[in-house]
Amino acid sequence: MIISRILGGLLTAALALLPAHGAGQTSGAPGAPTRLPVTVALVERLPVPDAPFVVLRRTDVAPRDVILLPASADARLLSEAVQMLLVARQVGGDSARSNATLRVRPQSGRTSPRRVFPWAQRVLSDLQRADSRPLDGVGFVPAVEIWLPRQSGRIRR
């Protein structure tokens, strides 16, 4: 009887320590994802002339966050676009409050290279092999989905 209570208590404790279904996608709030999707697409022509890439944040169309890259993109450019989206999520929230098109102006003579994510080349390779699919507001383009960590609450104001 005592042994069964001890075993029952140990089993309950062990089950409480096991991750819940989808634990890789939960945070402090039950059911809140720790990673959010972004669609990365290769396009023949960017919607903003002279931009090296474009980040779309949308409220009314899925997918909500989209990174548009030219066919000539490399791992550095993908990393820079992802970093821009992460900063936008830190400042404006993980979900866009209004539709926005984010871009950077080309910078010549940059002296300090930005961090290149170790997984960027793999994602780019997957993207270059991806089948084209319809992407609302963009067209029929090769696209893949990646998951980035939540950013809300990371900057204190």
C-alpha atoms as a PDB file:
ATOM      1  CA  MET A   1       0.000   0.000   0.000  1.00  0.00           C
ATOM      2  CA  ILE A   2       2.755   2.467   0.956  1.00  0.00           C
ATOM      3  CA  ILE A   3       4.860   1.304  -1.981  1.00  0.00           C
ATOM      4  CA  SER A   4       1.954   1.829  -4.390  1.00  0.00           C
ATOM      5  CA  ARG A   5       1.430   5.369  -3.011  1.00  0.00           C
ATOM      6  CA  ILE A   6       5.130   6.120  -3.438  1.00  0.00           C
ATOM      7  CA  LEU A   7       5.125   4.667  -6.959  1.00  0.00           C
ATOM      8  CA  GLY A   8       1.943   6.573  -7.779  1.00  0.00           C
ATOM      9  CA  GLY A   9       3.516   9.790  -6.496  1.00  0.00           C
ATOM     10  CA  LEU A  10       6.678   9.166  -8.492  1.00  0.00           C
ATOM     11  CA  LEU A  11       4.655   8.405 -11.611  1.00  0.00           C
ATOM     12  CA  THR A  12       2.619  11.593 -11.168  1.00  0.00           C
ATOM     13  CA  ALA A  13       5.800  13.622 -10.655  1.00  0.00           C
ATOM     14  CA  ALA A  14       7.430  12.026 -13.693  1.00  0.00           C
ATOM     15  CA  LEU A  15       4.383  12.743 -15.857  1.00  0.00           C
ATOM     16  CA  ALA A  16       4.362  16.350 -14.668  1.00  0.00           C
ATOM     17  CA  LEU A  17       7.978  16.711 -15.802  1.00  0.00           C
ATOM     18  CA  LEU A  18       7.337  15.283 -19.268  1.00  0.00           C
ATOM     19  CA  PRO A  19       6.831  17.882 -21.990  1.00  0.00           C
ATOM     20  CA  ALA A  20       3.285  18.471 -23.098  1.00  0.00           C
ATOM     21  CA  HIS A  21       2.221  17.714 -26.670  1.00  0.00           C
ATOM     22  CA  GLY A  22       3.963  20.254 -28.909  1.00  0.00           C
ATOM     23  CA  ALA A  23       6.241  21.412 -26.104  1.00  0.00           C
ATOM     24  CA  GLY A  24       8.658  22.868 -28.612  1.00  0.00           C
ATOM     25  CA  GLN A  25       5.956  25.365 -29.487  1.00  0.00           C
ATOM     26  CA  THR A  26       4.839  26.447 -26.013  1.00  0.00           C
ATOM     27  CA  SER A  27       5.961  29.188 -23.677  1.00  0.00           C
ATOM     28  CA  GLY A  28       4.934  30.558 -20.300  1.00  0.00           C
ATOM     29  CA  ALA A  29       1.335  30.968 -21.432  1.00  0.00           C
ATOM     30  CA  PRO A  30      -0.359  27.651 -22.192  1.00  0.00           C
ATOM     31  CA  GLY A  31      -0.672  27.168 -25.925  1.00  0.00           C
ATOM     32  CA  ALA A  32       1.403  30.252 -26.845  1.00  0.00           C
ATOM     33  CA  PRO A  33       3.938  29.346 -29.549  1.00  0.00           C
ATOM     34  CA  THR A  34       7.616  30.033 -28.933  1.00  0.00           C
ATOM     35  CA  ARG A  35       8.304  30.127 -32.673  1.00  0.00           C
ATOM     36  CA  LEU A  36       6.324  31.834 -35.398  1.00  0.00           C
ATOM     37  CA  PRO A  37       6.358  31.179 -39.141  1.00  0.00           C
ATOM     38  CA  VAL A  38       7.751  33.340 -41.893  1.00  0.00           C
ATOM     39  CA  THR A  39       7.567  32.466 -45.569  1.00  0.00           C
ATOM     40  CA  VAL A  40      10.720  33.028 -47.609  1.00  0.00           C
ATOM     41  CA  ALA A  41      10.255  33.346 -51.367  1.00  0.00           C
ATOM     42  CA  LEU A  42      12.454  33.850 -54.423  1.00  0.00           C
ATOM     43  CA  VAL A  43      11.133  36.418 -56.869  1.00  0.00           C
ATOM     44  CA  GLU A  44      12.257  37.549 -60.306  1.00  0.00           C
ATOM     45  CA  ARG A  45      11.703  41.185 -59.439  1.00  0.00           C
ATOM     46  CA  LEU A  46      11.374  42.816 -56.028  1.00  0.00           C
ATOM     47  CA  PRO A  47       8.404  45.167 -55.573  1.00  0.00           C
ATOM     48  CA  VAL A  48      10.737  47.944 -54.354  1.00  0.00           C
ATOM     49  CA  PRO A  49      13.354  49.028 -56.915  1.00  0.00           C
ATOM     50  CA  ASP A  50      16.984  48.944 -55.770  1.00  0.00           C
ATOM     51  CA  ALA A  51      16.178  47.091 -52.524  1.00  0.00           C
ATOM     52  CA  PRO A  52      18.359  44.029 -51.850  1.00  0.00           C
ATOM     53  CA  PHE A  53      15.322  42.263 -50.293  1.00  0.00           C
ATOM     54  CA  VAL A  54      11.812  43.086 -49.055  1.00  0.00           C
ATOM     55  CA  VAL A  55      10.004  42.035 -45.887  1.00  0.00           C
ATOM     56  CA  LEU A  56       6.202  42.089 -45.995  1.00  0.00           C
ATOM     57  CA  ARG A  57       4.235  42.271 -42.735  1.00  0.00           C
ATOM     58  CA  ARG A  58       0.560  41.676 -43.407  1.00  0.00           C
ATOM     59  CA  THR A  59      -2.553  41.667 -41.256  1.00  0.00           C
ATOM     60  CA  ASP A  60      -5.143  40.599 -43.803  1.00  0.00           C
ATOM     61  CA  VAL A  61      -3.444  37.859 -45.838  1.00  0.00           C
ATOM     62  CA  ALA A  62      -1.753  34.591 -44.967  1.00  0.00           C
ATOM     63  CA  PRO A  63       1.120  34.122 -44.709  1.00  0.00           C
ATOM     64  CA  ARG A  64       1.472  37.157 -42.447  1.00  0.00           C
ATOM     65  CA  ASP A  65       5.256  37.663 -42.638  1.00  0.00           C
ATOM     66  CA  VAL A  66       7.023  37.158 -45.969  1.00  0.00           C
ATOM     67  CA  ILE A  67      10.646  37.694 -46.968  1.00  0.00           C
ATOM     68  CA  LEU A  68      11.143  38.287 -50.691  1.00  0.00           C
ATOM     69  CA  LEU A  69      14.622  37.562 -52.034  1.00  0.00           C
ATOM     70  CA  PRO A  70      16.054  37.897 -55.525  1.00  0.00           C
ATOM     71  CA  ALA A  71      17.246  34.754 -57.293  1.00  0.00           C
ATOM     72  CA  SER A  72      20.841  35.893 -56.709  1.00  0.00           C
ATOM     73  CA  ALA A  73      20.427  35.903 -52.899  1.00  0.00           C
ATOM     74  CA  ASP A  74      23.114  34.374 -50.710  1.00  0.00           C
ATOM     75  CA  ALA A  75      23.203  33.280 -47.056  1.00  0.00           C
ATOM     76  CA  ARG A  76      24.336  36.746 -45.944  1.00  0.00           C
ATOM     77  CA  LEU A  77      21.382  38.438 -47.620  1.00  0.00           C
ATOM     78  CA  LEU A  78      18.890  35.935 -46.174  1.00  0.00           C
ATOM     79  CA  SER A  79      20.431  36.463 -42.729  1.00  0.00           C
ATOM     80  CA  GLU A  80      20.132  40.226 -43.079  1.00  0.00           C
ATOM     81  CA  ALA A  81      16.468  39.937 -44.080  1.00  0.00           C
ATOM     82  CA  VAL A  82      15.726  37.621 -41.148  1.00  0.00           C
ATOM     83  CA  GLN A  83      17.487  40.023 -38.769  1.00  0.00           C
ATOM     84  CA  MET A  84      15.348  42.886 -40.102  1.00  0.00           C
ATOM     85  CA  LEU A  85      12.179  40.883 -39.493  1.00  0.00           C
ATOM     86  CA  LEU A  86      13.297  39.978 -35.968  1.00  0.00           C
ATOM     87  CA  VAL A  87      13.906  43.652 -35.173  1.00  0.00           C
ATOM     88  CA  ALA A  88      10.513  44.572 -36.666  1.00  0.00           C
ATOM     89  CA  ARG A  89       8.892  41.928 -34.456  1.00  0.00           C
ATOM     90  CA  GLN A  90      10.753  43.248 -31.403  1.00  0.00           C
ATOM     91  CA  VAL A  91       9.568  46.797 -32.047  1.00  0.00           C
ATOM     92  CA  GLY A  92       6.124  46.231 -33.523  1.00  0.00           C
ATOM     93  CA  GLY A  93       5.111  42.884 -32.078  1.00  0.00           C
ATOM     94  CA  ASP A  94       5.182  39.328 -33.321  1.00  0.00           C
ATOM     95  CA  SER A  95       2.014  39.978 -35.341  1.00  0.00           C
ATOM     96  CA  ALA A  96       1.797  43.037 -37.534  1.00  0.00           C
ATOM     97  CA  ARG A  97      -0.694  45.679 -36.411  1.00  0.00           C
ATOM     98  CA  SER A  98      -0.835  47.158 -39.905  1.00  0.00           C
ATOM     99  CA  ASN A  99       0.361  46.162 -43.348  1.00  0.00           C
ATOM    100  CA  ALA A 100       3.963  47.191 -43.984  1.00  0.00           C
ATOM    101  CA  THR A 101       6.670  46.759 -46.606  1.00  0.00           C
ATOM    102  CA  LEU A 102      10.131  46.889 -45.044  1.00  0.00           C
ATOM    103  CA  ARG A 103      13.314  47.347 -47.018  1.00  0.00           C
ATOM    104  CA  VAL A 104      16.846  48.611 -46.581  1.00  0.00           C
ATOM    105  CA  ARG A 105      18.680  50.898 -48.883  1.00  0.00           C
ATOM    106  CA  PRO A 106      21.723  49.352 -50.513  1.00  0.00           C
ATOM    107  CA  GLN A 107      24.849  50.268 -48.557  1.00  0.00           C
ATOM    108  CA  SER A 108      28.203  50.330 -50.242  1.00  0.00           C
ATOM    109  CA  GLY A 109      31.385  50.124 -48.243  1.00  0.00           C
ATOM    110  CA  ARG A 110      29.862  48.489 -45.181  1.00  0.00           C
ATOM    111  CA  THR A 111      32.842  47.852 -42.909  1.00  0.00           C
ATOM    112  CA  SER A 112      31.396  45.317 -40.479  1.00  0.00           C
ATOM    113  CA  PRO A 113      29.652  42.283 -41.930  1.00  0.00           C
ATOM    114  CA  ARG A 114      26.383  41.245 -40.332  1.00  0.00           C
ATOM    115  CA  ARG A 115      26.091  37.893 -38.616  1.00  0.00           C
ATOM    116  CA  VAL A 116      25.286  35.078 -41.027  1.00  0.00           C
ATOM    117  CA  PHE A 117      23.027  32.468 -39.466  1.00  0.00           C
ATOM    118  CA  PRO A 118      24.593  28.985 -39.629  1.00  0.00           C
ATOM    119  CA  TRP A 119      21.376  27.556 -41.110  1.00  0.00           C
ATOM    120  CA  ALA A 120      20.898  30.261 -43.777  1.00  0.00           C
ATOM    121  CA  GLN A 121      22.666  28.402 -46.594  1.00  0.00           C
ATOM    122  CA  ARG A 122      20.613  25.262 -45.951  1.00  0.00           C
ATOM    123  CA  VAL A 123      17.359  27.269 -46.091  1.00  0.00           C
ATOM    124  CA  LEU A 124      18.522  28.981 -49.265  1.00  0.00           C
ATOM    125  CA  SER A 125      19.352  25.614 -50.835  1.00  0.00           C
ATOM    126  CA  ASP A 126      15.893  24.307 -49.892  1.00  0.00           C
ATOM    127  CA  LEU A 127      14.369  27.456 -51.362  1.00  0.00           C
ATOM    128  CA  GLN A 128      16.263  27.088 -54.637  1.00  0.00           C
ATOM    129  CA  ARG A 129      14.952  23.510 -54.951  1.00  0.00           C
ATOM    130  CA  ALA A 130      11.388  24.350 -53.819  1.00  0.00           C
ATOM    131  CA  ASP A 131       8.462  24.019 -56.174  1.00  0.00           C
ATOM    132  CA  SER A 132       6.668  27.207 -57.103  1.00  0.00           C
ATOM    133  CA  ARG A 133       3.388  27.828 -55.348  1.00  0.00           C
ATOM    134  CA  PRO A 134       0.848  30.637 -55.258  1.00  0.00           C
ATOM    135  CA  LEU A 135       1.714  33.287 -52.677  1.00  0.00           C
ATOM    136  CA  ASP A 136      -1.097  35.771 -52.150  1.00  0.00           C
ATOM    137  CA  GLY A 137      -0.115  39.246 -53.299  1.00  0.00           C
ATOM    138  CA  VAL A 138       3.227  38.036 -54.693  1.00  0.00           C
ATOM    139  CA  GLY A 139       2.509  35.511 -57.429  1.00  0.00           C
ATOM    140  CA  PHE A 140       3.527  31.948 -58.252  1.00  0.00           C
ATOM    141  CA  VAL A 141       7.021  31.608 -56.717  1.00  0.00           C
ATOM    142  CA  PRO A 142       9.354  29.111 -55.023  1.00  0.00           C
ATOM    143  CA  ALA A 143       8.765  29.446 -51.281  1.00  0.00           C
ATOM    144  CA  VAL A 144       9.576  27.725 -47.991  1.00  0.00           C
ATOM    145  CA  GLU A 145       8.444  28.332 -44.430  1.00  0.00           C
ATOM    146  CA  ILE A 146      10.869  28.822 -41.564  1.00  0.00           C
ATOM    147  CA  TRP A 147      10.135  29.336 -37.877  1.00  0.00           C
ATOM    148  CA  LEU A 148      11.673  32.152 -35.846  1.00  0.00           C
ATOM    149  CA  PRO A 149      11.615  32.730 -32.076  1.00  0.00           C
ATOM    150  CA  ARG A 150       8.997  35.044 -30.589  1.00  0.00           C
ATOM    151  CA  GLN A 151      10.271  38.580 -30.086  1.00  0.00           C
ATOM    152  CA  SER A 152       7.484  40.238 -28.084  1.00  0.00           C
ATOM    153  CA  GLY A 153       8.663  41.424 -24.707  1.00  0.00           C
ATOM    154  CA  ARG A 154      12.366  41.280 -25.568  1.00  0.00           C
ATOM    155  CA  ILE A 155      12.855  45.042 -25.699  1.00  0.00           C
ATOM    156  CA  ARG A 156      12.045  47.027 -22.594  1.00  0.00           C
ATOM    157  CA  ARG A 157      10.654  50.474 -23.248  1.00  0.00           C
END
